Amino acid sequence: MDRSGIMKSAAWKNAVTPHRNETPRGAQTSHHQGDTIVTTLILLAAYVLIGGLFIAVAVPLIQGRVKPNPFYGVRVRKTLSDRDTWYAVNAYFGRRFAVIGLLIAVAGIVLSPLGLIPHTGPMLYMALGHGIMIAGLIWVTIDTFRFLRKF
C-alpha cells in the first residue's frame, strides 16, 4: 500500500467511528424518546389514579354513608347545622366529583398519545390533563355552592 492509501484508510476510520467523548448520532435521540415515554407513562398512571381516587372519595358521599363531621365532605355552616342539608349537598357534590374523576381518568387515557410527541408532547399532555383537573374542580365547587343556596 502506498502512503495515500493509508491516509484514506485512517480518514475513513475516523469518519465512521466516533471519538471517545462523542455520543453516537442515534443514541441521543433514543435517550430523549425513552424519557418521553417514561414521562408519559407516569402522567398516564397519575391521571388514572387521581381520577380513581376522586371516584373513591365521592361514592360514600353519594350513598349517604358519611355523617356530618369536621373532616370529610362539604363542611360549611349550613351543612353542619342541618343533617338533611348535609346529606343532600354532599350527595350532589359527590355525583359531580365522581364525574370529574371519571373525566380525568378517561382524558388521561385518551390524551396520552399527545405525550409521545418529541420535545413538547409531555408538557402538552400535562398542561391539558392538569387544565381538565383544575377546571373540573372549579366547576364542582361553584356548582355545589349554587346548589347550597337553595337551602
C-alpha atoms as a PDB file:
ATOM      1  CA  MET A   1       0.000   0.000   0.000  1.00  0.00           C
ATOM      2  CA  ASP A   2       1.173   3.493  -0.665  1.00  0.00           C
ATOM      3  CA  ARG A   3       1.076   6.422   1.691  1.00  0.00           C
ATOM      4  CA  SER A   4      -2.131   7.895   0.211  1.00  0.00           C
ATOM      5  CA  GLY A   5      -3.921   4.550   0.750  1.00  0.00           C
ATOM      6  CA  ILE A   6      -3.053   4.601   4.422  1.00  0.00           C
ATOM      7  CA  MET A   7      -4.262   8.183   4.783  1.00  0.00           C
ATOM      8  CA  LYS A   8      -7.585   7.347   3.136  1.00  0.00           C
ATOM      9  CA  SER A   9      -7.988   4.376   5.432  1.00  0.00           C
ATOM     10  CA  ALA A  10      -7.306   6.456   8.573  1.00  0.00           C
ATOM     11  CA  ALA A  11      -9.657   9.239   7.391  1.00  0.00           C
ATOM     12  CA  TRP A  12     -12.410   6.711   6.689  1.00  0.00           C
ATOM     13  CA  LYS A  13     -11.964   5.104  10.101  1.00  0.00           C
ATOM     14  CA  ASN A  14     -12.274   8.489  11.889  1.00  0.00           C
ATOM     15  CA  ALA A  15     -15.443   9.368   9.936  1.00  0.00           C
ATOM     16  CA  VAL A  16     -17.186   6.081  10.789  1.00  0.00           C
ATOM     17  CA  THR A  17     -16.316   5.635  14.468  1.00  0.00           C
ATOM     18  CA  PRO A  18     -16.978   8.453  16.928  1.00  0.00           C
ATOM     19  CA  HIS A  19     -14.220   9.849  19.054  1.00  0.00           C
ATOM     20  CA  ARG A  20     -14.055   8.771  22.658  1.00  0.00           C
ATOM     21  CA  ASN A  21     -16.049  11.745  24.043  1.00  0.00           C
ATOM     22  CA  GLU A  22     -18.641  11.943  21.261  1.00  0.00           C
ATOM     23  CA  THR A  23     -22.149  10.499  21.511  1.00  0.00           C
ATOM     24  CA  PRO A  24     -23.220   8.297  18.593  1.00  0.00           C
ATOM     25  CA  ARG A  25     -25.850  10.019  16.474  1.00  0.00           C
ATOM     26  CA  GLY A  26     -28.808   7.723  17.242  1.00  0.00           C
ATOM     27  CA  ALA A  27     -28.122   7.387  20.981  1.00  0.00           C
ATOM     28  CA  GLN A  28     -29.198  10.877  21.985  1.00  0.00           C
ATOM     29  CA  THR A  29     -32.498  10.619  20.108  1.00  0.00           C
ATOM     30  CA  SER A  30     -33.406   7.288  21.709  1.00  0.00           C
ATOM     31  CA  HIS A  31     -32.489   8.642  25.157  1.00  0.00           C
ATOM     32  CA  HIS A  32     -34.921  11.563  24.727  1.00  0.00           C
ATOM     33  CA  GLN A  33     -37.512   9.228  23.278  1.00  0.00           C
ATOM     34  CA  GLY A  34     -37.118   6.961  26.308  1.00  0.00           C
ATOM     35  CA  ASP A  35     -37.579   9.940  28.645  1.00  0.00           C
ATOM     36  CA  THR A  36     -40.687  10.977  26.716  1.00  0.00           C
ATOM     37  CA  ILE A  37     -42.202   7.503  27.024  1.00  0.00           C
ATOM     38  CA  VAL A  38     -41.416   7.229  30.747  1.00  0.00           C
ATOM     39  CA  THR A  39     -42.805  10.707  31.456  1.00  0.00           C
ATOM     40  CA  THR A  40     -45.970   9.933  29.504  1.00  0.00           C
ATOM     41  CA  LEU A  41     -46.482   6.639  31.340  1.00  0.00           C
ATOM     42  CA  ILE A  42     -46.014   8.336  34.718  1.00  0.00           C
ATOM     43  CA  LEU A  43     -48.535  11.031  33.788  1.00  0.00           C
ATOM     44  CA  LEU A  44     -50.966   8.411  32.482  1.00  0.00           C
ATOM     45  CA  ALA A  45     -50.742   6.443  35.737  1.00  0.00           C
ATOM     46  CA  ALA A  46     -51.136   9.630  37.774  1.00  0.00           C
ATOM     47  CA  TYR A  47     -54.271  10.744  35.904  1.00  0.00           C
ATOM     48  CA  VAL A  48     -55.891   7.318  36.158  1.00  0.00           C
ATOM     49  CA  LEU A  49     -55.043   7.069  39.880  1.00  0.00           C
ATOM     50  CA  ILE A  50     -56.225  10.618  40.628  1.00  0.00           C
ATOM     51  CA  GLY A  51     -59.468  10.000  38.751  1.00  0.00           C
ATOM     52  CA  GLY A  52     -59.952   6.743  40.645  1.00  0.00           C
ATOM     53  CA  LEU A  53     -59.249   8.496  43.945  1.00  0.00           C
ATOM     54  CA  PHE A  54     -61.849  11.170  43.159  1.00  0.00           C
ATOM     55  CA  ILE A  55     -64.421   8.451  42.450  1.00  0.00           C
ATOM     56  CA  ALA A  56     -63.495   6.528  45.615  1.00  0.00           C
ATOM     57  CA  VAL A  57     -63.920   9.685  47.710  1.00  0.00           C
ATOM     58  CA  ALA A  58     -67.241  10.501  46.009  1.00  0.00           C
ATOM     59  CA  VAL A  59     -69.011   7.146  46.355  1.00  0.00           C
ATOM     60  CA  PRO A  60     -69.608   7.241  50.144  1.00  0.00           C
ATOM     61  CA  LEU A  61     -70.895  10.813  49.819  1.00  0.00           C
ATOM     62  CA  ILE A  62     -73.309   9.799  47.050  1.00  0.00           C
ATOM     63  CA  GLN A  63     -74.540   6.845  49.094  1.00  0.00           C
ATOM     64  CA  GLY A  64     -75.121   8.992  52.192  1.00  0.00           C
ATOM     65  CA  ARG A  65     -72.704   6.940  54.301  1.00  0.00           C
ATOM     66  CA  VAL A  66     -70.769   9.948  55.616  1.00  0.00           C
ATOM     67  CA  LYS A  67     -72.291  11.528  58.722  1.00  0.00           C
ATOM     68  CA  PRO A  68     -71.751  15.228  59.424  1.00  0.00           C
ATOM     69  CA  ASN A  69     -68.167  15.643  60.598  1.00  0.00           C
ATOM     70  CA  PRO A  70     -65.426  18.283  60.601  1.00  0.00           C
ATOM     71  CA  PHE A  71     -63.093  16.384  58.207  1.00  0.00           C
ATOM     72  CA  TYR A  72     -64.800  14.838  55.147  1.00  0.00           C
ATOM     73  CA  GLY A  73     -67.466  16.244  52.849  1.00  0.00           C
ATOM     74  CA  VAL A  74     -68.814  19.714  52.139  1.00  0.00           C
ATOM     75  CA  ARG A  75     -68.294  21.300  55.543  1.00  0.00           C
ATOM     76  CA  VAL A  76     -69.887  24.717  55.806  1.00  0.00           C
ATOM     77  CA  ARG A  77     -72.184  26.222  58.433  1.00  0.00           C
ATOM     78  CA  LYS A  78     -75.402  25.263  56.588  1.00  0.00           C
ATOM     79  CA  THR A  79     -74.425  21.612  56.087  1.00  0.00           C
ATOM     80  CA  LEU A  80     -73.042  21.133  59.588  1.00  0.00           C
ATOM     81  CA  SER A  81     -76.134  22.628  61.233  1.00  0.00           C
ATOM     82  CA  ASP A  82     -78.764  20.528  59.382  1.00  0.00           C
ATOM     83  CA  ARG A  83     -78.493  16.772  58.674  1.00  0.00           C
ATOM     84  CA  ASP A  84     -80.882  16.881  55.694  1.00  0.00           C
ATOM     85  CA  THR A  85     -78.857  19.678  54.109  1.00  0.00           C
ATOM     86  CA  TRP A  86     -75.638  17.754  54.827  1.00  0.00           C
ATOM     87  CA  TYR A  87     -76.797  14.618  53.007  1.00  0.00           C
ATOM     88  CA  ALA A  88     -78.395  16.468  50.073  1.00  0.00           C
ATOM     89  CA  VAL A  89     -75.424  18.766  49.415  1.00  0.00           C
ATOM     90  CA  ASN A  90     -72.816  16.037  49.850  1.00  0.00           C
ATOM     91  CA  ALA A  91     -74.690  13.665  47.526  1.00  0.00           C
ATOM     92  CA  TYR A  92     -74.907  16.463  44.949  1.00  0.00           C
ATOM     93  CA  PHE A  93     -71.187  17.227  45.350  1.00  0.00           C
ATOM     94  CA  GLY A  94     -70.293  13.525  45.266  1.00  0.00           C
ATOM     95  CA  ARG A  95     -72.056  12.917  41.950  1.00  0.00           C
ATOM     96  CA  ARG A  96     -70.194  15.803  40.335  1.00  0.00           C
ATOM     97  CA  PHE A  97     -66.888  14.834  41.938  1.00  0.00           C
ATOM     98  CA  ALA A  98     -67.276  11.285  40.578  1.00  0.00           C
ATOM     99  CA  VAL A  99     -67.986  12.666  37.095  1.00  0.00           C
ATOM    100  CA  ILE A 100     -64.827  14.788  37.272  1.00  0.00           C
ATOM    101  CA  GLY A 101     -62.862  11.754  38.465  1.00  0.00           C
ATOM    102  CA  LEU A 102     -64.114   9.739  35.514  1.00  0.00           C
ATOM    103  CA  LEU A 103     -63.350  12.624  33.149  1.00  0.00           C
ATOM    104  CA  ILE A 104     -59.783  12.934  34.490  1.00  0.00           C
ATOM    105  CA  ALA A 105     -59.123   9.204  34.108  1.00  0.00           C
ATOM    106  CA  VAL A 106     -60.641   8.992  30.609  1.00  0.00           C
ATOM    107  CA  ALA A 107     -58.883  12.176  29.456  1.00  0.00           C
ATOM    108  CA  GLY A 108     -55.619  10.797  30.826  1.00  0.00           C
ATOM    109  CA  ILE A 109     -56.034   7.683  28.689  1.00  0.00           C
ATOM    110  CA  VAL A 110     -57.381   9.393  25.548  1.00  0.00           C
ATOM    111  CA  LEU A 111     -54.832  12.228  25.578  1.00  0.00           C
ATOM    112  CA  SER A 112     -51.820  10.021  26.373  1.00  0.00           C
ATOM    113  CA  PRO A 113     -50.684   9.739  22.718  1.00  0.00           C
ATOM    114  CA  LEU A 114     -50.016  13.506  22.825  1.00  0.00           C
ATOM    115  CA  GLY A 115     -47.317  12.789  25.397  1.00  0.00           C
ATOM    116  CA  LEU A 116     -45.333  10.825  22.838  1.00  0.00           C
ATOM    117  CA  ILE A 117     -44.721  13.837  20.594  1.00  0.00           C
ATOM    118  CA  PRO A 118     -40.975  14.515  20.815  1.00  0.00           C
ATOM    119  CA  HIS A 119     -39.846  17.506  22.902  1.00  0.00           C
ATOM    120  CA  THR A 120     -43.222  19.200  23.552  1.00  0.00           C
ATOM    121  CA  GLY A 121     -45.537  16.198  23.958  1.00  0.00           C
ATOM    122  CA  PRO A 122     -45.212  15.536  27.692  1.00  0.00           C
ATOM    123  CA  MET A 123     -45.655  19.225  28.521  1.00  0.00           C
ATOM    124  CA  LEU A 124     -48.728  19.458  26.282  1.00  0.00           C
ATOM    125  CA  TYR A 125     -50.181  16.297  27.811  1.00  0.00           C
ATOM    126  CA  MET A 126     -49.519  17.566  31.333  1.00  0.00           C
ATOM    127  CA  ALA A 127     -50.956  21.012  30.593  1.00  0.00           C
ATOM    128  CA  LEU A 128     -54.178  19.558  29.178  1.00  0.00           C
ATOM    129  CA  GLY A 129     -54.521  16.973  31.948  1.00  0.00           C
ATOM    130  CA  HIS A 130     -53.935  19.491  34.708  1.00  0.00           C
ATOM    131  CA  GLY A 131     -56.205  22.007  32.970  1.00  0.00           C
ATOM    132  CA  ILE A 132     -59.048  19.492  32.880  1.00  0.00           C
ATOM    133  CA  MET A 133     -58.477  18.667  36.539  1.00  0.00           C
ATOM    134  CA  ILE A 134     -58.384  22.299  37.689  1.00  0.00           C
ATOM    135  CA  ALA A 135     -61.351  23.340  35.532  1.00  0.00           C
ATOM    136  CA  GLY A 136     -63.319  20.373  36.843  1.00  0.00           C
ATOM    137  CA  LEU A 137     -62.574  21.217  40.470  1.00  0.00           C
ATOM    138  CA  ILE A 138     -63.567  24.834  39.917  1.00  0.00           C
ATOM    139  CA  TRP A 139     -66.820  23.744  38.243  1.00  0.00           C
ATOM    140  CA  VAL A 140     -67.673  21.282  41.032  1.00  0.00           C
ATOM    141  CA  THR A 141     -67.030  23.908  43.700  1.00  0.00           C
ATOM    142  CA  ILE A 142     -69.081  26.649  42.017  1.00  0.00           C
ATOM    143  CA  ASP A 143     -71.930  24.290  41.124  1.00  0.00           C
ATOM    144  CA  THR A 144     -72.097  22.850  44.642  1.00  0.00           C
ATOM    145  CA  PHE A 145     -72.252  26.302  46.240  1.00  0.00           C
ATOM    146  CA  ARG A 146     -75.020  27.306  43.802  1.00  0.00           C
ATOM    147  CA  PHE A 147     -76.933  24.212  44.896  1.00  0.00           C
ATOM    148  CA  LEU A 148     -76.291  25.066  48.548  1.00  0.00           C
ATOM    149  CA  ARG A 149     -78.055  28.438  48.112  1.00  0.00           C
ATOM    150  CA  LYS A 150     -81.351  26.562  47.773  1.00  0.00           C
ATOM    151  CA  PHE A 151     -81.204  25.653  51.478  1.00  0.00           C
END
